[in-house]
Every structure is written in structure tokens, then in C-alpha cells.
């Protein structure tokens, strides 16, 4: 089988697994898909999200692994009013592309995240940029950037969910 096809299918399997874990609120398991030095970004919509730099722009989310862990703990608490009761979410991931660059696999995929809560239904549309590395024989996410293809967050003001 074609090596590029195998790589893309492997990456696609990882992204589908990530979507399932997020949809089912298995956030502790979701964290296991990430490296210990991982980063998770949601750049602002007023810059080119593919090239946005967290040193020069104020990101909506700019988490290192420790902050990701804290976010998971916070979302699991009853005191996290924005997610209790939990939103009903569905991550649709498509148009997966992957290419190996030395020891890193760079991946890109389109997404729609549906969120229903409090008689409100929001759709977040955009694309993901991933840096993946091999750890213990499996691909792990070392960096994920969620680029929103929206002009503004309004009326989708709450992004307490993990995109």
C-alpha cells in the first residue's frame, strides 16, 4: 500500500479518536493523545491563523500541557457553570492531509464543532493544524492549532468547550 496513504489513514484514525473522546467528554483519556510538552492554540480571528504568533497576538486559548490538564480538571467540576450540565458536542473532522517532515508529521483537517446547550445551538467552523510525533510506537499530538473560519465569536461567545 502507498506509504502516504498509510500515513494519512493513521493520522485520520488519531483525529477521529480525538473527536470521539471530546464528544463523549472523556477528557482525561483525551489528554493521553498529547505529548508531555504539548501546546494547544486557538488564535484570534483577526489574523492569519495559519501563521499567527502567540508572542505578537492575543490568542483565545494558548495552553501548554499543564494548562490543558488544569482545563480538563476545571471542566470536570460542578463549579464549572459554563459546562454543567455539559454541552452536547459533536466534532466532525474531514479533508485530512498529512506529510512527514523529518521526525514530525504535519497534518491539516477541516472541522465543524456543533455545540448545543441552554436552548442554543452553535457551530464552530475552521481547520486544525497539527504537529504529531512518534512516541512508544504511536503518533502523539505535540501541537494543535484550531483556526476558526469565523469573522467573530459572536453570537458564539463561549468557547469553554475544547475545539
C-alpha atoms as a PDB file:
ATOM      1  CA  UNK A   1       0.000   0.000   0.000  1.00  0.00           C
ATOM      2  CA  UNK A   2       1.145   3.563  -0.693  1.00  0.00           C
ATOM      3  CA  UNK A   3       3.175   4.988   2.227  1.00  0.00           C
ATOM      4  CA  UNK A   4       1.458   8.404   2.021  1.00  0.00           C
ATOM      5  CA  UNK A   5      -1.970   6.757   2.150  1.00  0.00           C
ATOM      6  CA  UNK A   6      -0.999   4.723   5.208  1.00  0.00           C
ATOM      7  CA  UNK A   7       0.268   7.883   6.930  1.00  0.00           C
ATOM      8  CA  UNK A   8      -2.940   9.777   6.141  1.00  0.00           C
ATOM      9  CA  UNK A   9      -5.127   6.921   7.377  1.00  0.00           C
ATOM     10  CA  UNK A  10      -3.077   6.655  10.580  1.00  0.00           C
ATOM     11  CA  UNK A  11      -3.455  10.388  11.193  1.00  0.00           C
ATOM     12  CA  UNK A  12      -7.152  10.244  10.343  1.00  0.00           C
ATOM     13  CA  UNK A  13      -7.645   7.449  12.896  1.00  0.00           C
ATOM     14  CA  UNK A  14      -5.960   9.598  15.558  1.00  0.00           C
ATOM     15  CA  UNK A  15      -8.128  12.635  14.750  1.00  0.00           C
ATOM     16  CA  UNK A  16     -11.320  10.546  14.771  1.00  0.00           C
ATOM     17  CA  UNK A  17     -10.334   9.079  18.148  1.00  0.00           C
ATOM     18  CA  UNK A  18      -9.678  12.567  19.489  1.00  0.00           C
ATOM     19  CA  UNK A  19     -13.103  13.735  18.249  1.00  0.00           C
ATOM     20  CA  UNK A  20     -14.824  10.756  19.883  1.00  0.00           C
ATOM     21  CA  UNK A  21     -13.119  11.381  23.233  1.00  0.00           C
ATOM     22  CA  UNK A  22     -14.121  15.046  23.168  1.00  0.00           C
ATOM     23  CA  UNK A  23     -17.708  14.267  22.123  1.00  0.00           C
ATOM     24  CA  UNK A  24     -18.089  11.765  24.949  1.00  0.00           C
ATOM     25  CA  UNK A  25     -16.408  14.070  27.496  1.00  0.00           C
ATOM     26  CA  UNK A  26     -13.605  11.576  28.165  1.00  0.00           C
ATOM     27  CA  UNK A  27     -11.194  14.434  28.738  1.00  0.00           C
ATOM     28  CA  UNK A  28      -8.639  12.550  30.847  1.00  0.00           C
ATOM     29  CA  UNK A  29      -8.316   9.988  28.050  1.00  0.00           C
ATOM     30  CA  UNK A  30      -8.172  12.835  25.518  1.00  0.00           C
ATOM     31  CA  UNK A  31      -5.078  14.172  27.282  1.00  0.00           C
ATOM     32  CA  UNK A  32      -3.305  10.840  26.718  1.00  0.00           C
ATOM     33  CA  UNK A  33      -3.245  11.625  22.983  1.00  0.00           C
ATOM     34  CA  UNK A  34      -0.873  14.539  23.692  1.00  0.00           C
ATOM     35  CA  UNK A  35       2.827  14.640  24.482  1.00  0.00           C
ATOM     36  CA  UNK A  36       4.035  15.906  27.854  1.00  0.00           C
ATOM     37  CA  UNK A  37       5.313  19.091  26.192  1.00  0.00           C
ATOM     38  CA  UNK A  38       2.192  19.670  24.059  1.00  0.00           C
ATOM     39  CA  UNK A  39       0.657  23.017  23.148  1.00  0.00           C
ATOM     40  CA  UNK A  40      -2.956  23.803  22.238  1.00  0.00           C
ATOM     41  CA  UNK A  41      -3.813  27.084  20.498  1.00  0.00           C
ATOM     42  CA  UNK A  42      -6.874  28.950  19.290  1.00  0.00           C
ATOM     43  CA  UNK A  43      -5.635  32.108  17.534  1.00  0.00           C
ATOM     44  CA  UNK A  44      -7.795  35.225  17.158  1.00  0.00           C
ATOM     45  CA  UNK A  45      -9.911  35.625  14.034  1.00  0.00           C
ATOM     46  CA  UNK A  46      -8.395  38.971  13.036  1.00  0.00           C
ATOM     47  CA  UNK A  47      -5.037  37.472  11.973  1.00  0.00           C
ATOM     48  CA  UNK A  48      -3.985  34.684   9.622  1.00  0.00           C
ATOM     49  CA  UNK A  49      -4.451  31.698  11.913  1.00  0.00           C
ATOM     50  CA  UNK A  50      -2.008  29.553   9.937  1.00  0.00           C
ATOM     51  CA  UNK A  51       0.861  31.913  10.721  1.00  0.00           C
ATOM     52  CA  UNK A  52      -0.372  33.630  13.914  1.00  0.00           C
ATOM     53  CA  UNK A  53       2.279  34.026  16.571  1.00  0.00           C
ATOM     54  CA  UNK A  54       1.314  33.863  20.260  1.00  0.00           C
ATOM     55  CA  UNK A  55       4.173  36.280  21.008  1.00  0.00           C
ATOM     56  CA  UNK A  56       2.566  39.038  18.908  1.00  0.00           C
ATOM     57  CA  UNK A  57      -1.185  38.295  19.076  1.00  0.00           C
ATOM     58  CA  UNK A  58      -3.605  37.743  21.929  1.00  0.00           C
ATOM     59  CA  UNK A  59      -4.878  34.170  21.448  1.00  0.00           C
ATOM     60  CA  UNK A  60      -8.275  32.959  22.683  1.00  0.00           C
ATOM     61  CA  UNK A  61      -6.550  29.846  24.017  1.00  0.00           C
ATOM     62  CA  UNK A  62      -2.816  29.394  24.476  1.00  0.00           C
ATOM     63  CA  UNK A  63      -2.314  26.325  26.631  1.00  0.00           C
ATOM     64  CA  UNK A  64       0.755  24.296  27.407  1.00  0.00           C
ATOM     65  CA  UNK A  65       0.309  20.770  28.764  1.00  0.00           C
ATOM     66  CA  UNK A  66      -0.093  21.967  32.361  1.00  0.00           C
ATOM     67  CA  UNK A  67      -2.851  24.415  31.387  1.00  0.00           C
ATOM     68  CA  UNK A  68      -4.540  21.691  29.312  1.00  0.00           C
ATOM     69  CA  UNK A  69      -4.580  19.478  32.412  1.00  0.00           C
ATOM     70  CA  UNK A  70      -5.964  22.343  34.518  1.00  0.00           C
ATOM     71  CA  UNK A  71      -8.671  22.991  31.894  1.00  0.00           C
ATOM     72  CA  UNK A  72      -9.699  19.320  31.989  1.00  0.00           C
ATOM     73  CA  UNK A  73      -9.923  19.372  35.795  1.00  0.00           C
ATOM     74  CA  UNK A  74     -11.885  22.646  35.742  1.00  0.00           C
ATOM     75  CA  UNK A  75     -14.362  21.397  33.119  1.00  0.00           C
ATOM     76  CA  UNK A  76     -14.944  18.275  35.209  1.00  0.00           C
ATOM     77  CA  UNK A  77     -16.011  20.213  38.302  1.00  0.00           C
ATOM     78  CA  UNK A  78     -19.637  21.014  39.100  1.00  0.00           C
ATOM     79  CA  UNK A  79     -18.485  24.586  39.718  1.00  0.00           C
ATOM     80  CA  UNK A  80     -17.689  24.992  36.020  1.00  0.00           C
ATOM     81  CA  UNK A  81     -21.104  26.510  35.349  1.00  0.00           C
ATOM     82  CA  UNK A  82     -20.408  27.006  31.649  1.00  0.00           C
ATOM     83  CA  UNK A  83     -20.343  23.209  31.242  1.00  0.00           C
ATOM     84  CA  UNK A  84     -22.745  21.905  33.903  1.00  0.00           C
ATOM     85  CA  UNK A  85     -24.836  20.399  32.652  1.00  0.00           C
ATOM     86  CA  UNK A  86     -22.404  19.555  29.886  1.00  0.00           C
ATOM     87  CA  UNK A  87     -22.907  20.780  26.361  1.00  0.00           C
ATOM     88  CA  UNK A  88     -23.832  18.227  23.753  1.00  0.00           C
ATOM     89  CA  UNK A  89     -20.965  18.427  21.300  1.00  0.00           C
ATOM     90  CA  UNK A  90     -20.137  16.739  18.028  1.00  0.00           C
ATOM     91  CA  UNK A  91     -16.797  17.124  16.249  1.00  0.00           C
ATOM     92  CA  UNK A  92     -16.862  16.490  12.511  1.00  0.00           C
ATOM     93  CA  UNK A  93     -13.372  16.105  11.069  1.00  0.00           C
ATOM     94  CA  UNK A  94     -12.752  15.878   7.331  1.00  0.00           C
ATOM     95  CA  UNK A  95     -10.324  16.667   4.488  1.00  0.00           C
ATOM     96  CA  UNK A  96      -7.372  15.208   6.395  1.00  0.00           C
ATOM     97  CA  UNK A  97      -3.937  15.810   4.910  1.00  0.00           C
ATOM     98  CA  UNK A  98      -0.636  14.625   6.329  1.00  0.00           C
ATOM     99  CA  UNK A  99       3.015  14.877   5.374  1.00  0.00           C
ATOM    100  CA  UNK A 100       6.156  13.759   7.130  1.00  0.00           C
ATOM    101  CA  UNK A 101       8.841  16.399   7.717  1.00  0.00           C
ATOM    102  CA  UNK A 102      11.795  14.641   9.319  1.00  0.00           C
ATOM    103  CA  UNK A 103      10.605  13.472  12.760  1.00  0.00           C
ATOM    104  CA  UNK A 104       7.364  15.488  12.686  1.00  0.00           C
ATOM    105  CA  UNK A 105       4.136  14.688  10.882  1.00  0.00           C
ATOM    106  CA  UNK A 106       2.335  17.871   9.901  1.00  0.00           C
ATOM    107  CA  UNK A 107      -1.397  17.410   9.485  1.00  0.00           C
ATOM    108  CA  UNK A 108      -4.291  19.604   8.475  1.00  0.00           C
ATOM    109  CA  UNK A 109      -8.010  18.877   8.667  1.00  0.00           C
ATOM    110  CA  UNK A 110     -11.260  20.792   8.344  1.00  0.00           C
ATOM    111  CA  UNK A 111     -13.718  20.778  11.236  1.00  0.00           C
ATOM    112  CA  UNK A 112     -17.208  21.674  12.306  1.00  0.00           C
ATOM    113  CA  UNK A 113     -17.900  21.532  16.020  1.00  0.00           C
ATOM    114  CA  UNK A 114     -21.568  21.536  16.954  1.00  0.00           C
ATOM    115  CA  UNK A 115     -22.449  22.630  20.470  1.00  0.00           C
ATOM    116  CA  UNK A 116     -25.954  22.526  21.946  1.00  0.00           C
ATOM    117  CA  UNK A 117     -26.605  23.964  25.403  1.00  0.00           C
ATOM    118  CA  UNK A 118     -29.234  26.095  27.098  1.00  0.00           C
ATOM    119  CA  UNK A 119     -31.583  26.018  24.100  1.00  0.00           C
ATOM    120  CA  UNK A 120     -28.762  27.420  21.959  1.00  0.00           C
ATOM    121  CA  UNK A 121     -27.010  25.701  19.095  1.00  0.00           C
ATOM    122  CA  UNK A 122     -23.626  26.995  17.946  1.00  0.00           C
ATOM    123  CA  UNK A 123     -21.443  25.850  15.073  1.00  0.00           C
ATOM    124  CA  UNK A 124     -17.714  26.477  15.101  1.00  0.00           C
ATOM    125  CA  UNK A 125     -16.125  26.064  11.667  1.00  0.00           C
ATOM    126  CA  UNK A 126     -12.462  26.055  10.780  1.00  0.00           C
ATOM    127  CA  UNK A 127      -9.408  23.913  10.304  1.00  0.00           C
ATOM    128  CA  UNK A 128      -6.903  22.206  12.522  1.00  0.00           C
ATOM    129  CA  UNK A 129      -3.129  22.294  12.198  1.00  0.00           C
ATOM    130  CA  UNK A 130      -1.297  19.501  13.983  1.00  0.00           C
ATOM    131  CA  UNK A 131       2.304  18.641  14.734  1.00  0.00           C
ATOM    132  CA  UNK A 132       2.485  14.928  15.513  1.00  0.00           C
ATOM    133  CA  UNK A 133       5.427  12.915  16.794  1.00  0.00           C
ATOM    134  CA  UNK A 134       6.010   9.240  17.336  1.00  0.00           C
ATOM    135  CA  UNK A 135       6.163   8.109  20.964  1.00  0.00           C
ATOM    136  CA  UNK A 136       6.253   4.467  22.017  1.00  0.00           C
ATOM    137  CA  UNK A 137       5.211   3.310  18.547  1.00  0.00           C
ATOM    138  CA  UNK A 138       2.176   5.599  18.257  1.00  0.00           C
ATOM    139  CA  UNK A 139       1.539   9.104  16.969  1.00  0.00           C
ATOM    140  CA  UNK A 140       1.009  11.716  19.678  1.00  0.00           C
ATOM    141  CA  UNK A 141      -0.067  15.328  19.314  1.00  0.00           C
ATOM    142  CA  UNK A 142       2.670  17.789  20.216  1.00  0.00           C
ATOM    143  CA  UNK A 143       0.860  20.884  18.933  1.00  0.00           C
ATOM    144  CA  UNK A 144      -2.702  21.581  17.885  1.00  0.00           C
ATOM    145  CA  UNK A 145      -3.936  24.869  16.467  1.00  0.00           C
ATOM    146  CA  UNK A 146      -7.666  25.397  15.937  1.00  0.00           C
ATOM    147  CA  UNK A 147      -8.106  28.115  13.309  1.00  0.00           C
ATOM    148  CA  UNK A 148     -11.662  29.448  13.360  1.00  0.00           C
ATOM    149  CA  UNK A 149     -13.028  30.463   9.954  1.00  0.00           C
ATOM    150  CA  UNK A 150     -15.406  32.959  11.512  1.00  0.00           C
ATOM    151  CA  UNK A 151     -15.361  36.748  11.466  1.00  0.00           C
ATOM    152  CA  UNK A 152     -16.211  36.971  15.162  1.00  0.00           C
ATOM    153  CA  UNK A 153     -17.128  34.769  18.090  1.00  0.00           C
ATOM    154  CA  UNK A 154     -20.490  36.478  18.482  1.00  0.00           C
ATOM    155  CA  UNK A 155     -23.033  35.007  18.862  1.00  0.00           C
ATOM    156  CA  UNK A 156     -20.769  32.034  19.673  1.00  0.00           C
ATOM    157  CA  UNK A 157     -19.248  33.855  22.612  1.00  0.00           C
ATOM    158  CA  UNK A 158     -18.488  30.830  24.801  1.00  0.00           C
ATOM    159  CA  UNK A 159     -15.642  28.577  23.774  1.00  0.00           C
ATOM    160  CA  UNK A 160     -15.419  26.777  27.087  1.00  0.00           C
ATOM    161  CA  UNK A 161     -15.601  23.537  25.109  1.00  0.00           C
ATOM    162  CA  UNK A 162     -12.467  22.043  23.723  1.00  0.00           C
ATOM    163  CA  UNK A 163     -12.444  22.503  19.984  1.00  0.00           C
END
